[in-house]
């Protein structure tokens, strides 16, 4: 799993948008990273016509979120 790119957002409902390679055969683009009021981070799939285009099992969502937060905070190399 590798974060391909991540960018902070200023005027949006999300804190950041990012692209990720889950495996060599699967890449996801435009995922949203948000920080809840309780301080917990959460990842959301992008929407198309108001409908989420993907959903994730909780354990996969946690792995994706941890990777994105690490990249956002500069703890991991992005796009390597």
PDB file of N, CA and C in Angstrom:
ATOM      1  N   UNK A   1       0.861  -1.175   0.000  1.00  0.00           N
ATOM      2  CA  UNK A   1       0.000   0.000   0.000  1.00  0.00           C
ATOM      3  C   UNK A   1       0.900   1.230   0.000  1.00  0.00           C
ATOM      4  N   UNK A   2       0.609   2.151  -0.922  1.00  0.00           N
ATOM      5  CA  UNK A   2       1.452   3.346  -1.058  1.00  0.00           C
ATOM      6  C   UNK A   2       0.594   4.558  -1.398  1.00  0.00           C
ATOM      7  N   UNK A   3       0.817   5.648  -0.673  1.00  0.00           N
ATOM      8  CA  UNK A   3       0.169   6.915  -1.001  1.00  0.00           C
ATOM      9  C   UNK A   3       0.900   7.492  -2.213  1.00  0.00           C
ATOM     10  N   UNK A   4       0.164   7.731  -3.288  1.00  0.00           N
ATOM     11  CA  UNK A   4       0.763   8.262  -4.515  1.00  0.00           C
ATOM     12  C   UNK A   4       0.880   9.773  -4.467  1.00  0.00           C
ATOM     13  N   UNK A   5      -0.141  10.421  -3.920  1.00  0.00           N
ATOM     14  CA  UNK A   5      -0.112  11.876  -3.732  1.00  0.00           C
ATOM     15  C   UNK A   5      -1.133  12.233  -2.669  1.00  0.00           C
ATOM     16  N   UNK A   6      -0.873  13.348  -1.989  1.00  0.00           N
ATOM     17  CA  UNK A   6      -1.806  13.843  -0.982  1.00  0.00           C
ATOM     18  C   UNK A   6      -1.713  15.364  -0.977  1.00  0.00           C
ATOM     19  N   UNK A   7      -2.845  16.011  -0.848  1.00  0.00           N
ATOM     20  CA  UNK A   7      -2.864  17.479  -0.846  1.00  0.00           C
ATOM     21  C   UNK A   7      -3.880  17.972   0.168  1.00  0.00           C
ATOM     22  N   UNK A   8      -3.449  18.942   0.959  1.00  0.00           N
ATOM     23  CA  UNK A   8      -4.351  19.567   1.935  1.00  0.00           C
ATOM     24  C   UNK A   8      -5.394  20.406   1.214  1.00  0.00           C
ATOM     25  N   UNK A   9      -6.585  20.482   1.788  1.00  0.00           N
ATOM     26  CA  UNK A   9      -7.665  21.293   1.237  1.00  0.00           C
ATOM     27  C   UNK A   9      -7.973  22.418   2.205  1.00  0.00           C
ATOM     28  N   UNK A  10      -8.259  23.592   1.675  1.00  0.00           N
ATOM     29  CA  UNK A  10      -8.535  24.756   2.520  1.00  0.00           C
ATOM     30  C   UNK A  10     -10.022  24.963   2.758  1.00  0.00           C
ATOM     31  N   UNK A  11     -10.812  24.982   1.700  1.00  0.00           N
ATOM     32  CA  UNK A  11     -12.236  25.330   1.830  1.00  0.00           C
ATOM     33  C   UNK A  11     -13.105  24.170   1.376  1.00  0.00           C
ATOM     34  N   UNK A  12     -13.013  23.070   2.079  1.00  0.00           N
ATOM     35  CA  UNK A  12     -13.770  21.885   1.688  1.00  0.00           C
ATOM     36  C   UNK A  12     -14.226  21.158   2.936  1.00  0.00           C
ATOM     37  N   UNK A  13     -15.078  20.170   2.769  1.00  0.00           N
ATOM     38  CA  UNK A  13     -15.517  19.360   3.893  1.00  0.00           C
ATOM     39  C   UNK A  13     -14.468  18.358   4.333  1.00  0.00           C
ATOM     40  N   UNK A  14     -13.387  18.233   3.570  1.00  0.00           N
ATOM     41  CA  UNK A  14     -12.324  17.289   3.894  1.00  0.00           C
ATOM     42  C   UNK A  14     -11.049  18.052   4.239  1.00  0.00           C
ATOM     43  N   UNK A  15     -10.183  17.413   5.014  1.00  0.00           N
ATOM     44  CA  UNK A  15      -8.887  18.009   5.339  1.00  0.00           C
ATOM     45  C   UNK A  15      -7.883  17.805   4.211  1.00  0.00           C
ATOM     46  N   UNK A  16      -8.038  16.683   3.487  1.00  0.00           N
ATOM     47  CA  UNK A  16      -7.109  16.377   2.399  1.00  0.00           C
ATOM     48  C   UNK A  16      -7.770  15.440   1.400  1.00  0.00           C
ATOM     49  N   UNK A  17      -7.205  15.436   0.197  1.00  0.00           N
ATOM     50  CA  UNK A  17      -7.567  14.450  -0.828  1.00  0.00           C
ATOM     51  C   UNK A  17      -6.287  13.708  -1.174  1.00  0.00           C
ATOM     52  N   UNK A  18      -6.438  12.407  -1.462  1.00  0.00           N
ATOM     53  CA  UNK A  18      -5.248  11.634  -1.778  1.00  0.00           C
ATOM     54  C   UNK A  18      -5.554  10.510  -2.754  1.00  0.00           C
ATOM     55  N   UNK A  19      -4.469  10.025  -3.376  1.00  0.00           N
ATOM     56  CA  UNK A  19      -4.503   8.890  -4.290  1.00  0.00           C
ATOM     57  C   UNK A  19      -3.649   7.798  -3.665  1.00  0.00           C
ATOM     58  N   UNK A  20      -4.073   6.548  -3.824  1.00  0.00           N
ATOM     59  CA  UNK A  20      -3.381   5.443  -3.175  1.00  0.00           C
ATOM     60  C   UNK A  20      -3.317   4.228  -4.089  1.00  0.00           C
ATOM     61  N   UNK A  21      -2.200   3.522  -4.028  1.00  0.00           N
ATOM     62  CA  UNK A  21      -2.075   2.220  -4.681  1.00  0.00           C
ATOM     63  C   UNK A  21      -2.257   1.177  -3.582  1.00  0.00           C
ATOM     64  N   UNK A  22      -3.363   0.463  -3.630  1.00  0.00           N
ATOM     65  CA  UNK A  22      -3.616  -0.592  -2.644  1.00  0.00           C
ATOM     66  C   UNK A  22      -2.696  -1.773  -2.939  1.00  0.00           C
ATOM     67  N   UNK A  23      -2.617  -2.150  -4.209  1.00  0.00           N
ATOM     68  CA  UNK A  23      -1.694  -3.175  -4.705  1.00  0.00           C
ATOM     69  C   UNK A  23      -1.152  -2.662  -6.038  1.00  0.00           C
ATOM     70  N   UNK A  24      -0.312  -3.464  -6.677  1.00  0.00           N
ATOM     71  CA  UNK A  24       0.168  -3.091  -8.012  1.00  0.00           C
ATOM     72  C   UNK A  24      -0.968  -3.068  -9.027  1.00  0.00           C
ATOM     73  N   UNK A  25      -2.048  -3.796  -8.748  1.00  0.00           N
ATOM     74  CA  UNK A  25      -3.165  -3.889  -9.681  1.00  0.00           C
ATOM     75  C   UNK A  25      -4.340  -2.977  -9.343  1.00  0.00           C
ATOM     76  N   UNK A  26      -4.319  -2.303  -8.196  1.00  0.00           N
ATOM     77  CA  UNK A  26      -5.470  -1.496  -7.771  1.00  0.00           C
ATOM     78  C   UNK A  26      -5.017  -0.139  -7.249  1.00  0.00           C
ATOM     79  N   UNK A  27      -5.486   0.911  -7.921  1.00  0.00           N
ATOM     80  CA  UNK A  27      -5.238   2.288  -7.486  1.00  0.00           C
ATOM     81  C   UNK A  27      -6.571   2.990  -7.322  1.00  0.00           C
ATOM     82  N   UNK A  28      -6.662   3.823  -6.294  1.00  0.00           N
ATOM     83  CA  UNK A  28      -7.863   4.616  -6.036  1.00  0.00           C
ATOM     84  C   UNK A  28      -7.462   6.083  -6.018  1.00  0.00           C
ATOM     85  N   UNK A  29      -8.312   6.922  -6.611  1.00  0.00           N
ATOM     86  CA  UNK A  29      -7.997   8.342  -6.760  1.00  0.00           C
ATOM     87  C   UNK A  29      -9.072   9.202  -6.113  1.00  0.00           C
ATOM     88  N   UNK A  30      -8.653  10.328  -5.548  1.00  0.00           N
ATOM     89  CA  UNK A  30      -9.595  11.308  -5.012  1.00  0.00           C
ATOM     90  C   UNK A  30     -10.251  10.935  -3.702  1.00  0.00           C
ATOM     91  N   UNK A  31      -9.598  10.090  -2.890  1.00  0.00           N
ATOM     92  CA  UNK A  31     -10.158   9.756  -1.581  1.00  0.00           C
ATOM     93  C   UNK A  31     -10.089  10.977  -0.668  1.00  0.00           C
ATOM     94  N   UNK A  32     -11.046  11.092   0.243  1.00  0.00           N
ATOM     95  CA  UNK A  32     -11.113  12.222   1.180  1.00  0.00           C
ATOM     96  C   UNK A  32     -10.665  11.775   2.562  1.00  0.00           C
ATOM     97  N   UNK A  33      -9.816  12.564   3.180  1.00  0.00           N
ATOM     98  CA  UNK A  33      -9.379  12.330   4.550  1.00  0.00           C
ATOM     99  C   UNK A  33      -9.947  13.446   5.412  1.00  0.00           C
ATOM    100  N   UNK A  34     -10.693  13.080   6.449  1.00  0.00           N
ATOM    101  CA  UNK A  34     -11.295  14.077   7.339  1.00  0.00           C
ATOM    102  C   UNK A  34     -10.958  13.749   8.785  1.00  0.00           C
ATOM    103  N   UNK A  35     -10.925  14.807   9.598  1.00  0.00           N
ATOM    104  CA  UNK A  35     -10.707  14.643  11.034  1.00  0.00           C
ATOM    105  C   UNK A  35     -12.018  14.974  11.732  1.00  0.00           C
ATOM    106  N   UNK A  36     -12.564  13.999  12.452  1.00  0.00           N
ATOM    107  CA  UNK A  36     -13.833  14.185  13.152  1.00  0.00           C
ATOM    108  C   UNK A  36     -13.666  15.101  14.362  1.00  0.00           C
ATOM    109  N   UNK A  37     -14.782  15.537  14.914  1.00  0.00           N
ATOM    110  CA  UNK A  37     -14.774  16.413  16.091  1.00  0.00           C
ATOM    111  C   UNK A  37     -14.048  15.766  17.270  1.00  0.00           C
ATOM    112  N   UNK A  38     -14.083  14.434  17.352  1.00  0.00           N
ATOM    113  CA  UNK A  38     -13.414  13.739  18.458  1.00  0.00           C
ATOM    114  C   UNK A  38     -11.924  13.512  18.194  1.00  0.00           C
ATOM    115  N   UNK A  39     -11.432  14.007  17.044  1.00  0.00           N
ATOM    116  CA  UNK A  39     -10.016  13.891  16.722  1.00  0.00           C
ATOM    117  C   UNK A  39      -9.650  12.659  15.914  1.00  0.00           C
ATOM    118  N   UNK A  40     -10.608  11.777  15.678  1.00  0.00           N
ATOM    119  CA  UNK A  40     -10.342  10.567  14.901  1.00  0.00           C
ATOM    120  C   UNK A  40     -10.346  10.889  13.406  1.00  0.00           C
ATOM    121  N   UNK A  41      -9.427  10.285  12.673  1.00  0.00           N
ATOM    122  CA  UNK A  41      -9.354  10.456  11.226  1.00  0.00           C
ATOM    123  C   UNK A  41     -10.235   9.422  10.541  1.00  0.00           C
ATOM    124  N   UNK A  42     -10.764   9.781   9.370  1.00  0.00           N
ATOM    125  CA  UNK A  42     -11.611   8.865   8.611  1.00  0.00           C
ATOM    126  C   UNK A  42     -11.396   9.104   7.120  1.00  0.00           C
ATOM    127  N   UNK A  43     -11.443   8.022   6.355  1.00  0.00           N
ATOM    128  CA  UNK A  43     -11.308   8.089   4.904  1.00  0.00           C
ATOM    129  C   UNK A  43     -12.650   7.802   4.252  1.00  0.00           C
ATOM    130  N   UNK A  44     -12.971   8.602   3.238  1.00  0.00           N
ATOM    131  CA  UNK A  44     -14.194   8.412   2.462  1.00  0.00           C
ATOM    132  C   UNK A  44     -13.836   8.272   0.989  1.00  0.00           C
ATOM    133  N   UNK A  45     -14.560   7.409   0.300  1.00  0.00           N
ATOM    134  CA  UNK A  45     -14.418   7.302  -1.152  1.00  0.00           C
ATOM    135  C   UNK A  45     -15.054   8.527  -1.796  1.00  0.00           C
ATOM    136  N   UNK A  46     -14.604   8.888  -2.990  1.00  0.00           N
ATOM    137  CA  UNK A  46     -15.239  10.014  -3.688  1.00  0.00           C
ATOM    138  C   UNK A  46     -16.669   9.664  -4.096  1.00  0.00           C
ATOM    139  N   UNK A  47     -17.406  10.686  -4.502  1.00  0.00           N
ATOM    140  CA  UNK A  47     -18.792  10.508  -4.937  1.00  0.00           C
ATOM    141  C   UNK A  47     -18.902  10.740  -6.440  1.00  0.00           C
ATOM    142  N   UNK A  48     -19.884  10.072  -7.020  1.00  0.00           N
ATOM    143  CA  UNK A  48     -20.255  10.307  -8.410  1.00  0.00           C
ATOM    144  C   UNK A  48     -21.775  10.399  -8.441  1.00  0.00           C
ATOM    145  N   UNK A  49     -22.297  11.516  -8.871  1.00  0.00           N
ATOM    146  CA  UNK A  49     -23.751  11.759  -8.882  1.00  0.00           C
ATOM    147  C   UNK A  49     -24.352  11.578  -7.491  1.00  0.00           C
ATOM    148  N   UNK A  50     -23.597  11.974  -6.460  1.00  0.00           N
ATOM    149  CA  UNK A  50     -24.081  11.926  -5.089  1.00  0.00           C
ATOM    150  C   UNK A  50     -23.960  10.581  -4.402  1.00  0.00           C
ATOM    151  N   UNK A  51     -23.387   9.594  -5.087  1.00  0.00           N
ATOM    152  CA  UNK A  51     -23.266   8.245  -4.527  1.00  0.00           C
ATOM    153  C   UNK A  51     -21.785   7.905  -4.363  1.00  0.00           C
ATOM    154  N   UNK A  52     -21.418   7.337  -3.224  1.00  0.00           N
ATOM    155  CA  UNK A  52     -20.030   6.911  -3.016  1.00  0.00           C
ATOM    156  C   UNK A  52     -19.680   5.820  -4.021  1.00  0.00           C
ATOM    157  N   UNK A  53     -18.490   5.903  -4.586  1.00  0.00           N
ATOM    158  CA  UNK A  53     -18.097   4.959  -5.625  1.00  0.00           C
ATOM    159  C   UNK A  53     -17.447   3.691  -5.071  1.00  0.00           C
ATOM    160  N   UNK A  54     -17.165   3.664  -3.773  1.00  0.00           N
ATOM    161  CA  UNK A  54     -16.553   2.485  -3.162  1.00  0.00           C
ATOM    162  C   UNK A  54     -16.835   2.489  -1.667  1.00  0.00           C
ATOM    163  N   UNK A  55     -16.698   1.322  -1.074  1.00  0.00           N
ATOM    164  CA  UNK A  55     -16.734   1.224   0.387  1.00  0.00           C
ATOM    165  C   UNK A  55     -15.611   0.273   0.796  1.00  0.00           C
ATOM    166  N   UNK A  56     -15.194   0.367   2.050  1.00  0.00           N
ATOM    167  CA  UNK A  56     -14.051  -0.400   2.515  1.00  0.00           C
ATOM    168  C   UNK A  56     -14.413  -1.169   3.781  1.00  0.00           C
ATOM    169  N   UNK A  57     -13.903  -2.381   3.884  1.00  0.00           N
ATOM    170  CA  UNK A  57     -14.012  -3.138   5.131  1.00  0.00           C
ATOM    171  C   UNK A  57     -13.307  -2.318   6.212  1.00  0.00           C
ATOM    172  N   UNK A  58     -13.795  -2.346   7.454  1.00  0.00           N
ATOM    173  CA  UNK A  58     -13.186  -1.518   8.507  1.00  0.00           C
ATOM    174  C   UNK A  58     -11.672  -1.697   8.660  1.00  0.00           C
ATOM    175  N   UNK A  59     -11.167  -2.922   8.533  1.00  0.00           N
ATOM    176  CA  UNK A  59      -9.717  -3.104   8.697  1.00  0.00           C
ATOM    177  C   UNK A  59      -8.945  -2.476   7.536  1.00  0.00           C
ATOM    178  N   UNK A  60      -9.469  -2.565   6.319  1.00  0.00           N
ATOM    179  CA  UNK A  60      -8.824  -1.913   5.181  1.00  0.00           C
ATOM    180  C   UNK A  60      -8.930  -0.399   5.303  1.00  0.00           C
ATOM    181  N   UNK A  61     -10.082   0.095   5.717  1.00  0.00           N
ATOM    182  CA  UNK A  61     -10.261   1.542   5.912  1.00  0.00           C
ATOM    183  C   UNK A  61      -9.251   2.070   6.925  1.00  0.00           C
ATOM    184  N   UNK A  62      -9.009   1.307   7.985  1.00  0.00           N
ATOM    185  CA  UNK A  62      -8.035   1.723   9.002  1.00  0.00           C
ATOM    186  C   UNK A  62      -6.624   1.775   8.419  1.00  0.00           C
ATOM    187  N   UNK A  63      -6.247   0.783   7.624  1.00  0.00           N
ATOM    188  CA  UNK A  63      -4.919   0.777   7.000  1.00  0.00           C
ATOM    189  C   UNK A  63      -4.750   1.960   6.046  1.00  0.00           C
ATOM    190  N   UNK A  64      -5.780   2.213   5.239  1.00  0.00           N
ATOM    191  CA  UNK A  64      -5.735   3.332   4.298  1.00  0.00           C
ATOM    192  C   UNK A  64      -5.609   4.650   5.052  1.00  0.00           C
ATOM    193  N   UNK A  65      -6.418   4.811   6.090  1.00  0.00           N
ATOM    194  CA  UNK A  65      -6.415   6.054   6.863  1.00  0.00           C
ATOM    195  C   UNK A  65      -5.073   6.274   7.546  1.00  0.00           C
ATOM    196  N   UNK A  66      -4.512   5.229   8.161  1.00  0.00           N
ATOM    197  CA  UNK A  66      -3.212   5.367   8.821  1.00  0.00           C
ATOM    198  C   UNK A  66      -2.126   5.769   7.823  1.00  0.00           C
ATOM    199  N   UNK A  67      -2.146   5.181   6.632  1.00  0.00           N
ATOM    200  CA  UNK A  67      -1.156   5.531   5.609  1.00  0.00           C
ATOM    201  C   UNK A  67      -1.322   6.985   5.163  1.00  0.00           C
ATOM    202  N   UNK A  68      -2.556   7.419   4.986  1.00  0.00           N
ATOM    203  CA  UNK A  68      -2.809   8.796   4.541  1.00  0.00           C
ATOM    204  C   UNK A  68      -2.408   9.810   5.609  1.00  0.00           C
ATOM    205  N   UNK A  69      -2.733   9.540   6.859  1.00  0.00           N
ATOM    206  CA  UNK A  69      -2.366  10.459   7.943  1.00  0.00           C
ATOM    207  C   UNK A  69      -0.842  10.543   8.060  1.00  0.00           C
ATOM    208  N   UNK A  70      -0.163   9.406   7.966  1.00  0.00           N
ATOM    209  CA  UNK A  70       1.303   9.414   8.026  1.00  0.00           C
ATOM    210  C   UNK A  70       1.879  10.256   6.892  1.00  0.00           C
ATOM    211  N   UNK A  71       1.328  10.117   5.693  1.00  0.00           N
ATOM    212  CA  UNK A  71       1.808  10.910   4.555  1.00  0.00           C
ATOM    213  C   UNK A  71       1.507  12.387   4.754  1.00  0.00           C
ATOM    214  N   UNK A  72       0.326  12.690   5.254  1.00  0.00           N
ATOM    215  CA  UNK A  72      -0.059  14.083   5.475  1.00  0.00           C
ATOM    216  C   UNK A  72       0.840  14.742   6.512  1.00  0.00           C
ATOM    217  N   UNK A  73       1.208  14.000   7.518  1.00  0.00           N
ATOM    218  CA  UNK A  73       2.050  14.536   8.591  1.00  0.00           C
ATOM    219  C   UNK A  73       3.538  14.404   8.276  1.00  0.00           C
ATOM    220  N   UNK A  74       3.862  13.944   7.070  1.00  0.00           N
ATOM    221  CA  UNK A  74       5.256  13.873   6.650  1.00  0.00           C
ATOM    222  C   UNK A  74       6.038  12.723   7.231  1.00  0.00           C
ATOM    223  N   UNK A  75       5.343  11.694   7.729  1.00  0.00           N
ATOM    224  CA  UNK A  75       6.032  10.563   8.334  1.00  0.00           C
ATOM    225  C   UNK A  75       6.360   9.473   7.332  1.00  0.00           C
ATOM    226  N   UNK A  76       5.874   9.615   6.111  1.00  0.00           N
ATOM    227  CA  UNK A  76       6.116   8.582   5.102  1.00  0.00           C
ATOM    228  C   UNK A  76       6.461   9.250   3.780  1.00  0.00           C
ATOM    229  N   UNK A  77       7.215   8.551   2.975  1.00  0.00           N
ATOM    230  CA  UNK A  77       7.524   9.053   1.637  1.00  0.00           C
ATOM    231  C   UNK A  77       6.305   8.873   0.756  1.00  0.00           C
ATOM    232  N   UNK A  78       5.964   9.894   0.016  1.00  0.00           N
ATOM    233  CA  UNK A  78       4.806   9.854  -0.868  1.00  0.00           C
ATOM    234  C   UNK A  78       5.295   9.716  -2.295  1.00  0.00           C
ATOM    235  N   UNK A  79       4.682   8.813  -3.040  1.00  0.00           N
ATOM    236  CA  UNK A  79       5.009   8.647  -4.448  1.00  0.00           C
ATOM    237  C   UNK A  79       6.333   7.978  -4.705  1.00  0.00           C
ATOM    238  N   UNK A  80       6.789   7.191  -3.760  1.00  0.00           N
ATOM    239  CA  UNK A  80       8.076   6.520  -3.898  1.00  0.00           C
ATOM    240  C   UNK A  80       7.888   5.148  -4.467  1.00  0.00           C
TER     241      UNK A  80
END
